Amino acid sequence: MAESERVAEATVERVSAVSSWEALFRAQVTVMRKLAEDFPSHVISLTEYDVLYTLSIQPNRRMRIRDLNTRTLLTQPSVSRLVDRLTVKGLLAKSVDPNDGRGTIVELTAQGFEIYRDAARIHGRTITAQMSAALDPDELAQLQALCDKLRIGVSGGTDDCVVDPES
């Protein structure tokens, strides 16, 4: 294969990856904007929901704050401030990590879980309506499989977005 053909082939592969990323990113932004417009709760924001959701799927609804930082869509300082606000509201509880006195455990309170569940019921219906209007059931399954494969492939084979296996 001539050098020019290799360069052309590499360019097509790069453009394909870049255009795929652009399509994924723009779809995500468009969907998130629509979901934010329709977010159901006047008690919590969509970013607060992200933290409550992340804790709700953990064993015992609790995890180290440093792990919460890696599993939400927020920066570390934002997560710390948000956790403090949600603790003041009574939706979260903080405690010292018994395995590491320098660490902090964040736990979803019963009140926090109820508020999360109320918002989740409505939010889930909105998500279902938006996604189902654009994709049929087979396409939804394909999208999930492709997104899972991409997330796991990019992370190097780890899937730490769902549940903390050490909790």
Protein backbone atom coordinates (compact mmCIF):
# COMPACT_ATOMS: atom_id res chain seq x y z
CA MET A 1 0.00 0.00 0.00
CA ALA A 2 1.39 3.40 -0.98
CA GLU A 3 2.03 6.04 1.67
CA SER A 4 -0.70 8.30 0.24
CA GLU A 5 -3.23 5.45 0.52
CA ARG A 6 -2.25 4.84 4.16
CA VAL A 7 -2.64 8.55 4.93
CA ALA A 8 -6.01 8.63 3.19
CA GLU A 9 -7.17 5.52 5.09
CA ALA A 10 -5.98 6.95 8.41
CA THR A 11 -7.76 10.23 7.63
CA VAL A 12 -11.03 8.40 6.89
CA GLU A 13 -10.73 6.48 10.19
CA ARG A 14 -9.96 9.68 12.12
CA VAL A 15 -12.79 11.59 10.50
CA SER A 16 -15.15 8.73 11.23
CA ALA A 17 -14.15 8.67 14.91
CA VAL A 18 -14.32 12.46 15.16
CA SER A 19 -17.66 12.70 13.37
CA SER A 20 -19.04 9.90 15.54
CA TRP A 21 -17.88 11.73 18.67
CA GLU A 22 -19.45 14.97 17.43
CA ALA A 23 -22.74 13.20 16.74
CA LEU A 24 -22.71 11.54 20.18
CA PHE A 25 -21.78 14.77 21.97
CA ARG A 26 -24.39 16.86 20.16
CA ALA A 27 -27.09 14.27 20.77
CA GLN A 28 -26.18 14.15 24.47
CA VAL A 29 -26.27 17.94 24.79
CA THR A 30 -29.59 18.18 22.95
CA VAL A 31 -31.22 15.47 25.07
CA MET A 32 -29.80 16.91 28.33
CA ARG A 33 -31.09 20.40 27.50
CA LYS A 34 -34.57 19.02 26.86
CA LEU A 35 -34.50 16.92 30.02
CA ALA A 36 -33.31 19.93 32.05
CA GLU A 37 -36.21 22.00 30.68
CA ASP A 38 -38.68 19.32 31.72
CA PHE A 39 -37.03 18.34 35.02
CA PRO A 40 -39.89 17.75 37.45
CA SER A 41 -38.65 18.79 40.85
CA HIS A 42 -38.89 22.16 42.50
CA VAL A 43 -37.12 20.69 45.53
CA ILE A 44 -33.89 19.55 43.85
CA SER A 45 -32.00 20.51 40.70
CA LEU A 46 -30.88 18.17 37.95
CA THR A 47 -27.31 18.26 39.32
CA GLU A 48 -28.58 17.44 42.81
CA TYR A 49 -30.58 14.61 41.25
CA ASP A 50 -27.36 13.28 39.69
CA VAL A 51 -25.77 12.98 43.15
CA LEU A 52 -28.90 11.44 44.71
CA TYR A 53 -29.23 8.99 41.80
CA THR A 54 -25.58 7.97 42.05
CA LEU A 55 -25.96 7.26 45.76
CA SER A 56 -29.30 5.48 45.26
CA ILE A 57 -27.70 2.74 43.15
CA GLN A 58 -24.84 2.05 45.58
CA PRO A 59 -24.96 -0.71 48.18
CA ASN A 60 -26.53 0.77 51.33
CA ARG A 61 -26.97 4.03 49.37
CA ARG A 62 -23.57 5.26 50.51
CA MET A 63 -20.05 5.76 49.20
CA ARG A 64 -16.82 7.64 49.74
CA ILE A 65 -17.00 11.23 48.58
CA ARG A 66 -13.89 10.75 46.43
CA ASP A 67 -15.72 7.93 44.59
CA LEU A 68 -18.81 10.10 44.24
CA ASN A 69 -16.57 12.65 42.53
CA THR A 70 -15.64 10.13 39.83
CA ARG A 71 -19.20 8.97 39.20
CA THR A 72 -21.05 12.26 38.79
CA LEU A 73 -20.94 14.81 36.02
CA LEU A 74 -19.54 17.52 38.31
CA THR A 75 -16.08 18.72 39.28
CA GLN A 76 -14.64 17.82 42.69
CA PRO A 77 -15.18 21.27 44.27
CA SER A 78 -18.74 21.36 42.94
CA VAL A 79 -19.51 17.92 44.40
CA SER A 80 -18.15 18.95 47.82
CA ARG A 81 -20.27 22.11 47.90
CA LEU A 82 -23.33 20.26 46.63
CA VAL A 83 -22.90 17.52 49.25
CA ASP A 84 -22.69 20.19 51.95
CA ARG A 85 -25.91 21.85 50.70
CA LEU A 86 -27.75 18.52 50.49
CA THR A 87 -26.54 17.62 53.98
CA VAL A 88 -27.94 20.90 55.36
CA LYS A 89 -31.28 20.06 53.65
CA GLY A 90 -31.25 16.63 55.36
CA LEU A 91 -31.06 14.72 52.09
CA LEU A 92 -27.55 13.39 52.74
CA ALA A 93 -25.55 12.48 55.84
CA LYS A 94 -21.78 12.66 56.10
CA SER A 95 -19.55 10.59 58.37
CA VAL A 96 -15.89 9.79 58.78
CA ASP A 97 -14.74 6.77 56.76
CA PRO A 98 -14.02 4.08 59.38
CA ASN A 99 -11.34 2.59 57.11
CA ASP A 100 -9.61 5.92 56.51
CA GLY A 101 -10.11 8.70 59.04
CA ARG A 102 -9.17 11.29 56.41
CA GLY A 103 -12.01 10.20 54.13
CA THR A 104 -15.70 11.01 54.21
CA ILE A 105 -18.64 8.70 53.61
CA VAL A 106 -21.75 10.25 52.08
CA GLU A 107 -25.07 8.51 52.60
CA LEU A 108 -28.51 9.11 51.12
CA THR A 109 -30.98 9.69 53.97
CA ALA A 110 -34.53 8.29 53.97
CA GLN A 111 -35.83 11.79 53.21
CA GLY A 112 -33.29 12.16 50.41
CA PHE A 113 -34.30 8.82 48.93
CA GLU A 114 -37.99 9.77 48.95
CA ILE A 115 -37.29 13.09 47.21
CA TYR A 116 -35.08 11.30 44.70
CA ARG A 117 -37.80 8.67 44.02
CA ASP A 118 -40.51 11.29 43.53
CA ALA A 119 -38.37 13.13 40.99
CA ALA A 120 -37.19 9.85 39.38
CA ARG A 121 -40.71 8.66 38.62
CA ILE A 122 -41.55 11.79 36.61
CA HIS A 123 -38.04 12.16 35.16
CA GLY A 124 -38.12 8.53 34.00
CA ARG A 125 -41.37 9.14 32.13
CA THR A 126 -39.83 12.20 30.44
CA ILE A 127 -36.72 10.25 29.47
CA THR A 128 -38.86 7.42 28.10
CA ALA A 129 -40.99 9.84 26.07
CA GLN A 130 -37.97 11.66 24.61
CA MET A 131 -35.96 8.54 23.79
CA SER A 132 -38.92 6.51 22.50
CA ALA A 133 -40.02 9.33 20.23
CA ALA A 134 -36.66 9.21 18.46
CA LEU A 135 -35.71 5.51 18.63
CA ASP A 136 -37.57 2.22 18.41
CA PRO A 137 -36.96 -0.55 20.99
CA ASP A 138 -34.28 -2.27 18.89
CA GLU A 139 -32.46 1.02 18.36
CA LEU A 140 -32.63 1.76 22.09
CA ALA A 141 -31.05 -1.63 22.81
CA GLN A 142 -28.34 -0.95 20.22
CA LEU A 143 -27.68 2.49 21.68
CA GLN A 144 -27.32 1.07 25.18
CA ALA A 145 -24.98 -1.68 23.99
CA LEU A 146 -22.83 0.74 22.00
CA CYS A 147 -22.64 3.27 24.84
CA ASP A 148 -21.73 0.54 27.35
CA LYS A 149 -19.07 -0.80 24.98
CA LEU A 150 -17.65 2.69 24.41
CA ARG A 151 -17.61 3.57 28.12
CA ILE A 152 -15.92 0.31 29.10
CA GLY A 153 -13.49 0.46 26.17
CA VAL A 154 -12.42 4.02 26.91
CA SER A 155 -12.08 3.32 30.64
CA GLY A 156 -9.69 0.45 29.98
CA GLY A 157 -12.11 -2.31 30.84
CA THR A 158 -13.38 -0.99 34.14
CA ASP A 159 -17.04 -0.24 34.65
CA ASP A 160 -17.06 1.90 37.77
CA CYS A 161 -19.98 4.11 36.77
CA VAL A 162 -22.64 1.84 38.19
CA VAL A 163 -21.87 0.34 41.58
CA ASP A 164 -18.93 0.64 43.94
CA PRO A 165 -17.87 -3.00 44.39
CA GLU A 166 -16.10 -2.18 47.68
CA SER A 167 -19.16 -0.70 49.40
